Amino acid sequence: MNELSEKVLAGNIRAASRLIRNLEDQIPDTDQAMREIFSATGHAHVIGLTGAPGAGKSTLADELIAAFRKSNQTVGMLAVDPTSPFTGGAILGDRIRMLRHAEDPGVFIRSLATRGAMGGLSKAVGEGIHVMEALGKEKIIVETCGVGQQEVDIINHAHTVVVVLVPGMGDEVQAIKAGLMEIADIFVINKADRDGAGKLYQEVLNLVAMPRESGDGSGAGWTIPVLKVESILEPDKFVQSVAALWGKIEEHYQFLIKSRRFSDRVRRKRMAELNEALWARILQPVLNKLSQAGEMEKMVDQLMSKETDPYTLAEQVAQRYMKE
């Protein structure tokens, strides 16, 4: 067995950090370690926290970790941050806001960079979740970087999706209509002491009351709760509000288990992982070859001069490499 995967399966945090770093950096032979830990995956409850930048997702995640630990559940945290244009790494690094959990052996927090990935999630997220599962974490929180309407990719990785909104940040309801409504299992109105919180709360309640279909039908039978979370400047109220959120997350998990819909979410997750693996094995090498040979630039030049079109070029590339 690969030494790195063996250490991860034994619960070694340093080995897990190194493996996630290797995944981000696309180090050769990392796939072998992932193959060896795959059988230890699939048991954790993955919670996605999504919403616009500045919605307070990190603060909520920090308190959620505390709530899970009070119930003696181990926690993994993947915080997806924008990519630094200089280092290629996550701008915020390992979250300074979550340092109070740094010495807790039941908590593992890791930041990931988006690396330009669409949907607010990096390609390493799914594999990062597997590493957390191999460590034995029971709850895994994935916090997206907050890129607005393209946050919907979280549904491919999480079993329970929490959409965080705050009043006063523009047309929040329009953002919900653009896609977040379809993926939300729980809505949170954060910073509920702000002006406009009551109006936003009512608008979201109205939207929740409208007929809704999830892509795999697994949302049927679940009434989406809309929760208010008080400002962190009022610590007691804030802790109580997050405790209520923790309760709803647990309630949704039990709903998925009892209704036998948890497997539907897992299957959707596996499909996304297979798509990503196929992309990495088939399409990415082709793109790398074209780029290294300078062909990508030549094709763009052809498009700029209107000598051809993207569809013809794509067909030519496909025909050439499919033969190989």
Protein backbone atom coordinates (compact mmCIF):
# COMPACT_ATOMS: atom_id res chain seq x y z
CA MET A 1 0.00 0.00 0.00
CA ASN A 2 1.11 3.57 -0.71
CA GLU A 3 2.75 5.03 2.42
CA LEU A 4 0.71 8.23 2.20
CA SER A 5 -2.65 6.48 1.93
CA GLU A 6 -1.70 4.10 4.75
CA LYS A 7 -0.97 7.04 7.05
CA VAL A 8 -4.21 8.80 6.09
CA LEU A 9 -6.23 5.67 6.84
CA ALA A 10 -4.46 5.53 10.21
CA GLY A 11 -5.69 9.05 10.98
CA ASN A 12 -2.46 10.98 10.35
CA ILE A 13 -3.40 14.66 9.87
CA ARG A 14 -0.07 15.66 8.34
CA ALA A 15 -0.36 12.92 5.75
CA ALA A 16 -3.90 14.08 4.93
CA SER A 17 -2.71 17.67 4.47
CA ARG A 18 0.09 16.50 2.22
CA LEU A 19 -2.25 14.34 0.13
CA ILE A 20 -4.70 17.23 -0.38
CA ARG A 21 -1.81 19.50 -1.35
CA ASN A 22 -0.62 16.89 -3.86
CA LEU A 23 -4.12 16.69 -5.30
CA GLU A 24 -4.23 20.47 -5.78
CA ASP A 25 -0.79 20.48 -7.36
CA GLN A 26 -1.62 17.43 -9.52
CA ILE A 27 1.47 15.56 -8.35
CA PRO A 28 2.04 12.34 -10.37
CA ASP A 29 1.06 9.03 -8.70
CA THR A 30 -1.41 10.76 -6.36
CA ASP A 31 -4.15 8.73 -8.02
CA GLN A 32 -2.69 5.57 -6.50
CA ALA A 33 -3.21 6.90 -2.97
CA MET A 34 -6.78 7.91 -3.84
CA ARG A 35 -7.52 4.44 -5.22
CA GLU A 36 -6.38 2.91 -1.96
CA ILE A 37 -8.51 5.12 0.29
CA PHE A 38 -11.66 4.96 -1.87
CA SER A 39 -13.08 1.93 -0.09
CA ALA A 40 -13.04 3.92 3.17
CA THR A 41 -15.23 6.69 1.73
CA GLY A 42 -18.97 7.31 1.52
CA HIS A 43 -19.94 7.16 5.19
CA ALA A 44 -19.75 10.86 6.15
CA HIS A 45 -22.51 13.46 6.05
CA VAL A 46 -21.35 16.28 3.76
CA ILE A 47 -22.82 19.73 4.40
CA GLY A 48 -22.42 22.49 1.81
CA LEU A 49 -22.41 26.14 2.88
CA THR A 50 -22.99 28.45 -0.05
CA GLY A 51 -23.93 32.07 -0.66
CA ALA A 52 -22.53 35.39 -1.80
CA PRO A 53 -19.17 36.76 -0.55
CA GLY A 54 -19.58 38.52 2.78
CA ALA A 55 -22.63 36.49 3.79
CA GLY A 56 -20.83 35.27 6.91
CA LYS A 57 -20.35 31.64 5.88
CA SER A 58 -17.00 31.25 7.66
CA THR A 59 -18.40 32.56 10.93
CA LEU A 60 -21.35 30.18 10.68
CA ALA A 61 -19.03 27.28 9.84
CA ASP A 62 -16.86 28.05 12.84
CA GLU A 63 -19.83 27.88 15.23
CA LEU A 64 -21.27 24.83 13.46
CA ILE A 65 -18.00 23.00 14.09
CA ALA A 66 -18.38 23.83 17.80
CA ALA A 67 -21.98 22.53 17.75
CA PHE A 68 -20.97 19.24 16.11
CA ARG A 69 -18.13 18.80 18.60
CA LYS A 70 -20.53 19.30 21.51
CA SER A 71 -22.39 16.25 20.22
CA ASN A 72 -19.05 14.35 20.05
CA GLN A 73 -19.00 14.20 16.25
CA THR A 74 -15.70 14.52 14.41
CA VAL A 75 -15.55 17.25 11.78
CA GLY A 76 -13.68 17.93 8.56
CA MET A 77 -13.80 21.40 7.02
CA LEU A 78 -12.91 22.30 3.43
CA ALA A 79 -12.91 26.05 2.85
CA VAL A 80 -12.74 26.91 -0.85
CA ASP A 81 -11.13 30.30 -1.37
CA PRO A 82 -10.35 32.40 -4.45
CA THR A 83 -6.97 31.63 -6.01
CA SER A 84 -4.02 33.94 -5.42
CA PRO A 85 -2.84 35.32 -8.80
CA PHE A 86 0.76 35.09 -7.55
CA THR A 87 1.03 31.73 -5.74
CA GLY A 88 -1.93 29.82 -7.19
CA GLY A 89 -2.92 28.94 -3.63
CA ALA A 90 -5.91 29.84 -1.51
CA ILE A 91 -5.74 33.54 -0.63
CA LEU A 92 -6.94 33.10 2.94
CA GLY A 93 -4.98 29.91 3.57
CA ASP A 94 -6.05 27.88 6.58
CA ARG A 95 -8.78 29.99 8.09
CA ILE A 96 -7.55 32.30 10.83
CA ARG A 97 -11.16 32.65 11.95
CA MET A 98 -11.20 28.99 12.98
CA LEU A 99 -8.05 28.91 15.07
CA ARG A 100 -9.97 27.98 18.21
CA HIS A 101 -10.36 24.49 16.73
CA ALA A 102 -6.68 24.16 15.76
CA GLU A 103 -5.73 22.05 18.77
CA ASP A 104 -8.80 19.82 18.61
CA PRO A 105 -7.83 16.36 17.27
CA GLY A 106 -11.47 15.80 16.29
CA VAL A 107 -11.35 18.68 13.79
CA PHE A 108 -9.40 18.96 10.53
CA ILE A 109 -9.62 22.25 8.59
CA ARG A 110 -8.12 22.74 5.16
CA SER A 111 -8.34 25.53 2.58
CA LEU A 112 -8.47 24.90 -1.15
CA ALA A 113 -8.00 27.28 -4.06
CA THR A 114 -10.61 27.46 -6.84
CA ARG A 115 -7.83 27.37 -9.46
CA GLY A 116 -10.27 29.03 -11.84
CA ALA A 117 -12.85 26.25 -11.55
CA MET A 118 -16.42 27.14 -12.42
CA GLY A 119 -19.20 26.89 -9.85
CA GLY A 120 -17.06 28.11 -6.96
CA LEU A 121 -15.48 24.70 -6.35
CA SER A 122 -12.06 23.39 -7.25
CA LYS A 123 -11.50 20.00 -8.88
CA ALA A 124 -9.81 18.87 -5.68
CA VAL A 125 -12.97 19.30 -3.56
CA GLY A 126 -14.46 15.87 -4.25
CA GLU A 127 -11.13 14.20 -3.58
CA GLY A 128 -10.58 16.39 -0.52
CA ILE A 129 -13.87 15.08 0.85
CA HIS A 130 -12.61 11.53 0.30
CA VAL A 131 -9.46 12.30 2.29
CA MET A 132 -11.60 13.66 5.14
CA GLU A 133 -13.72 10.50 5.03
CA ALA A 134 -10.63 8.29 5.07
CA LEU A 135 -9.55 10.12 8.23
CA GLY A 136 -12.84 8.99 9.77
CA LYS A 137 -14.59 12.37 9.94
CA GLU A 138 -18.33 12.01 10.52
CA LYS A 139 -19.36 15.51 9.41
CA ILE A 140 -17.67 17.33 6.54
CA ILE A 141 -18.44 21.00 5.90
CA VAL A 142 -17.63 22.42 2.47
CA GLU A 143 -17.72 26.21 2.34
CA THR A 144 -17.71 27.65 -1.17
CA CYS A 145 -15.85 30.85 -1.99
CA GLY A 146 -19.02 32.77 -2.79
CA VAL A 147 -19.30 33.63 -6.47
CA GLY A 148 -22.99 34.36 -6.55
CA GLN A 149 -25.20 32.60 -9.06
CA GLN A 150 -22.63 29.94 -9.97
CA GLU A 151 -22.62 28.41 -6.50
CA VAL A 152 -24.85 25.57 -7.64
CA ASP A 153 -21.97 23.12 -8.17
CA ILE A 154 -22.03 22.39 -4.44
CA ILE A 155 -25.02 20.09 -5.06
CA ASN A 156 -22.65 17.62 -6.74
CA HIS A 157 -20.67 17.20 -3.52
CA ALA A 158 -22.99 17.82 -0.54
CA HIS A 159 -25.86 15.81 0.90
CA THR A 160 -27.30 18.82 2.73
CA VAL A 161 -27.02 22.27 1.13
CA VAL A 162 -27.33 25.38 3.32
CA VAL A 163 -27.83 28.64 1.40
CA VAL A 164 -26.77 31.71 3.40
CA LEU A 165 -28.33 35.10 2.62
CA VAL A 166 -27.89 38.49 4.25
CA PRO A 167 -30.10 41.59 3.91
CA GLY A 168 -28.79 44.67 2.17
CA MET A 169 -26.56 42.98 -0.42
CA GLY A 170 -28.63 43.62 -3.52
CA ASP A 171 -31.36 41.52 -5.06
CA GLU A 172 -30.88 38.37 -2.99
CA VAL A 173 -34.16 36.85 -4.11
CA GLN A 174 -33.18 37.24 -7.77
CA ALA A 175 -30.03 35.22 -7.00
CA ILE A 176 -32.19 32.50 -5.46
CA LYS A 177 -34.39 32.36 -8.54
CA ALA A 178 -31.28 32.00 -10.70
CA GLY A 179 -30.47 28.57 -9.31
CA LEU A 180 -29.92 28.53 -5.56
CA MET A 181 -33.62 27.84 -4.95
CA GLU A 182 -33.32 24.48 -6.69
CA ILE A 183 -30.40 23.27 -4.57
CA ALA A 184 -31.25 24.64 -1.10
CA ASP A 185 -32.23 22.22 1.65
CA ILE A 186 -32.04 24.94 4.31
CA PHE A 187 -32.06 28.74 4.01
CA VAL A 188 -30.32 30.96 6.55
CA ILE A 189 -30.93 34.69 6.89
CA ASN A 190 -27.63 35.67 8.50
CA LYS A 191 -26.96 38.95 10.32
CA ALA A 192 -30.69 39.12 11.00
CA ASP A 193 -30.33 42.29 13.07
CA ARG A 194 -29.80 44.33 9.89
CA ASP A 195 -32.46 46.48 8.28
CA GLY A 196 -34.44 44.55 5.72
CA ALA A 197 -34.00 41.17 7.41
CA GLY A 198 -37.75 40.81 8.03
CA LYS A 199 -38.60 41.62 4.41
CA LEU A 200 -35.98 39.18 3.08
CA TYR A 201 -37.22 36.49 5.47
CA GLN A 202 -40.79 36.85 4.21
CA GLU A 203 -39.71 36.85 0.56
CA VAL A 204 -37.76 33.63 1.05
CA LEU A 205 -40.71 32.06 2.89
CA ASN A 206 -42.90 32.93 -0.10
CA LEU A 207 -40.42 31.33 -2.48
CA VAL A 208 -40.17 28.20 -0.34
CA ALA A 209 -43.96 27.87 -0.46
CA MET A 210 -43.87 27.69 -4.26
CA PRO A 211 -43.81 24.27 -5.99
CA ARG A 212 -40.27 22.96 -6.19
CA GLU A 213 -38.58 20.05 -7.88
CA SER A 214 -35.07 18.83 -7.22
CA GLY A 215 -33.07 17.24 -10.01
CA ASP A 216 -33.16 13.74 -8.54
CA GLY A 217 -36.47 13.99 -6.72
CA SER A 218 -34.76 13.62 -3.35
CA GLY A 219 -36.13 16.94 -2.09
CA ALA A 220 -39.74 15.74 -2.26
CA GLY A 221 -41.30 15.50 1.18
CA TRP A 222 -38.87 17.91 2.82
CA THR A 223 -40.16 21.33 3.86
CA ILE A 224 -37.30 23.79 3.44
CA PRO A 225 -36.77 25.67 6.72
CA VAL A 226 -35.87 29.37 6.71
CA LEU A 227 -33.84 30.30 9.78
CA LYS A 228 -32.69 33.64 11.15
CA VAL A 229 -29.24 33.86 12.70
CA GLU A 230 -28.50 36.75 15.01
CA SER A 231 -25.39 38.92 14.77
CA ILE A 232 -22.19 37.53 16.26
CA LEU A 233 -22.01 40.80 18.21
CA GLU A 234 -24.71 39.26 20.42
CA PRO A 235 -22.88 36.01 21.28
CA ASP A 236 -25.64 34.28 23.26
CA LYS A 237 -28.29 34.82 20.57
CA PHE A 238 -25.81 33.88 17.86
CA VAL A 239 -24.91 30.57 19.53
CA GLN A 240 -28.59 29.74 20.06
CA SER A 241 -29.41 30.52 16.42
CA VAL A 242 -26.58 28.33 15.13
CA ALA A 243 -27.68 25.56 17.49
CA ALA A 244 -31.09 25.71 15.78
CA LEU A 245 -29.35 25.48 12.40
CA TRP A 246 -27.35 22.47 13.63
CA GLY A 247 -30.65 20.86 14.64
CA LYS A 248 -32.15 21.36 11.17
CA ILE A 249 -29.03 19.96 9.50
CA GLU A 250 -29.33 16.84 11.65
CA GLU A 251 -33.06 16.67 10.92
CA HIS A 252 -32.40 16.79 7.18
CA TYR A 253 -29.78 14.06 7.47
CA GLN A 254 -32.24 11.83 9.31
CA PHE A 255 -34.89 12.63 6.67
CA LEU A 256 -32.53 11.46 3.91
CA ILE A 257 -31.72 8.27 5.79
CA LYS A 258 -35.30 7.37 6.77
CA SER A 259 -36.72 8.16 3.33
CA ARG A 260 -33.89 6.15 1.74
CA ARG A 261 -32.94 9.17 -0.34
CA PHE A 262 -29.43 9.45 1.02
CA SER A 263 -28.31 6.93 -1.61
CA ASP A 264 -29.76 9.23 -4.31
CA ARG A 265 -27.48 12.04 -3.16
CA VAL A 266 -24.51 9.68 -2.95
CA ARG A 267 -25.19 8.43 -6.48
CA ARG A 268 -25.30 12.01 -7.78
CA LYS A 269 -21.99 12.66 -6.05
CA ARG A 270 -20.44 9.54 -7.59
CA MET A 271 -21.61 10.62 -11.05
CA ALA A 272 -19.92 14.02 -10.59
CA GLU A 273 -16.72 12.29 -9.43
CA LEU A 274 -16.74 10.02 -12.46
CA ASN A 275 -17.22 13.01 -14.78
CA GLU A 276 -14.29 14.78 -13.14
CA ALA A 277 -12.11 11.66 -13.39
CA LEU A 278 -12.95 11.27 -17.09
CA TRP A 279 -12.19 14.96 -17.67
CA ALA A 280 -8.82 14.57 -15.97
CA ARG A 281 -7.95 11.38 -17.87
CA ILE A 282 -9.30 12.23 -21.31
CA LEU A 283 -9.87 15.93 -21.93
CA GLN A 284 -7.22 17.55 -19.75
CA PRO A 285 -4.27 15.69 -21.38
CA VAL A 286 -5.56 16.73 -24.81
CA LEU A 287 -5.80 20.36 -23.74
CA ASN A 288 -2.29 20.17 -22.26
CA LYS A 289 -0.86 18.76 -25.50
CA LEU A 290 -2.54 21.43 -27.61
CA SER A 291 -1.29 24.15 -25.32
CA GLN A 292 2.30 22.86 -25.14
CA ALA A 293 2.46 22.50 -28.92
CA GLY A 294 1.21 26.05 -29.41
CA GLU A 295 -1.86 24.78 -31.24
CA MET A 296 -4.31 26.48 -28.88
CA GLU A 297 -2.94 29.90 -29.79
CA LYS A 298 -3.05 29.07 -33.49
CA MET A 299 -6.67 27.97 -33.24
CA VAL A 300 -7.59 31.16 -31.38
CA ASP A 301 -5.89 33.15 -34.15
CA GLN A 302 -8.05 31.30 -36.69
CA LEU A 303 -11.15 32.17 -34.71
CA MET A 304 -10.12 35.81 -34.46
CA SER A 305 -9.75 36.03 -38.25
CA LYS A 306 -13.00 34.08 -38.74
CA GLU A 307 -11.18 31.47 -40.85
CA THR A 308 -13.18 28.79 -39.04
CA ASP A 309 -15.42 28.31 -36.01
CA PRO A 310 -15.08 26.64 -32.56
CA TYR A 311 -17.34 23.72 -33.53
CA THR A 312 -15.28 22.73 -36.56
CA LEU A 313 -12.03 22.98 -34.60
CA ALA A 314 -13.45 20.93 -31.73
CA GLU A 315 -14.60 18.24 -34.17
CA GLN A 316 -11.16 18.11 -35.81
CA VAL A 317 -9.42 17.76 -32.43
CA ALA A 318 -11.90 15.11 -31.31
CA GLN A 319 -11.42 13.05 -34.49
CA ARG A 320 -7.64 13.23 -34.17
CA TYR A 321 -7.41 12.21 -30.53
CA MET A 322 -10.23 9.69 -30.52
CA LYS A 323 -8.22 7.71 -33.10
CA GLU A 324 -5.31 7.67 -30.68
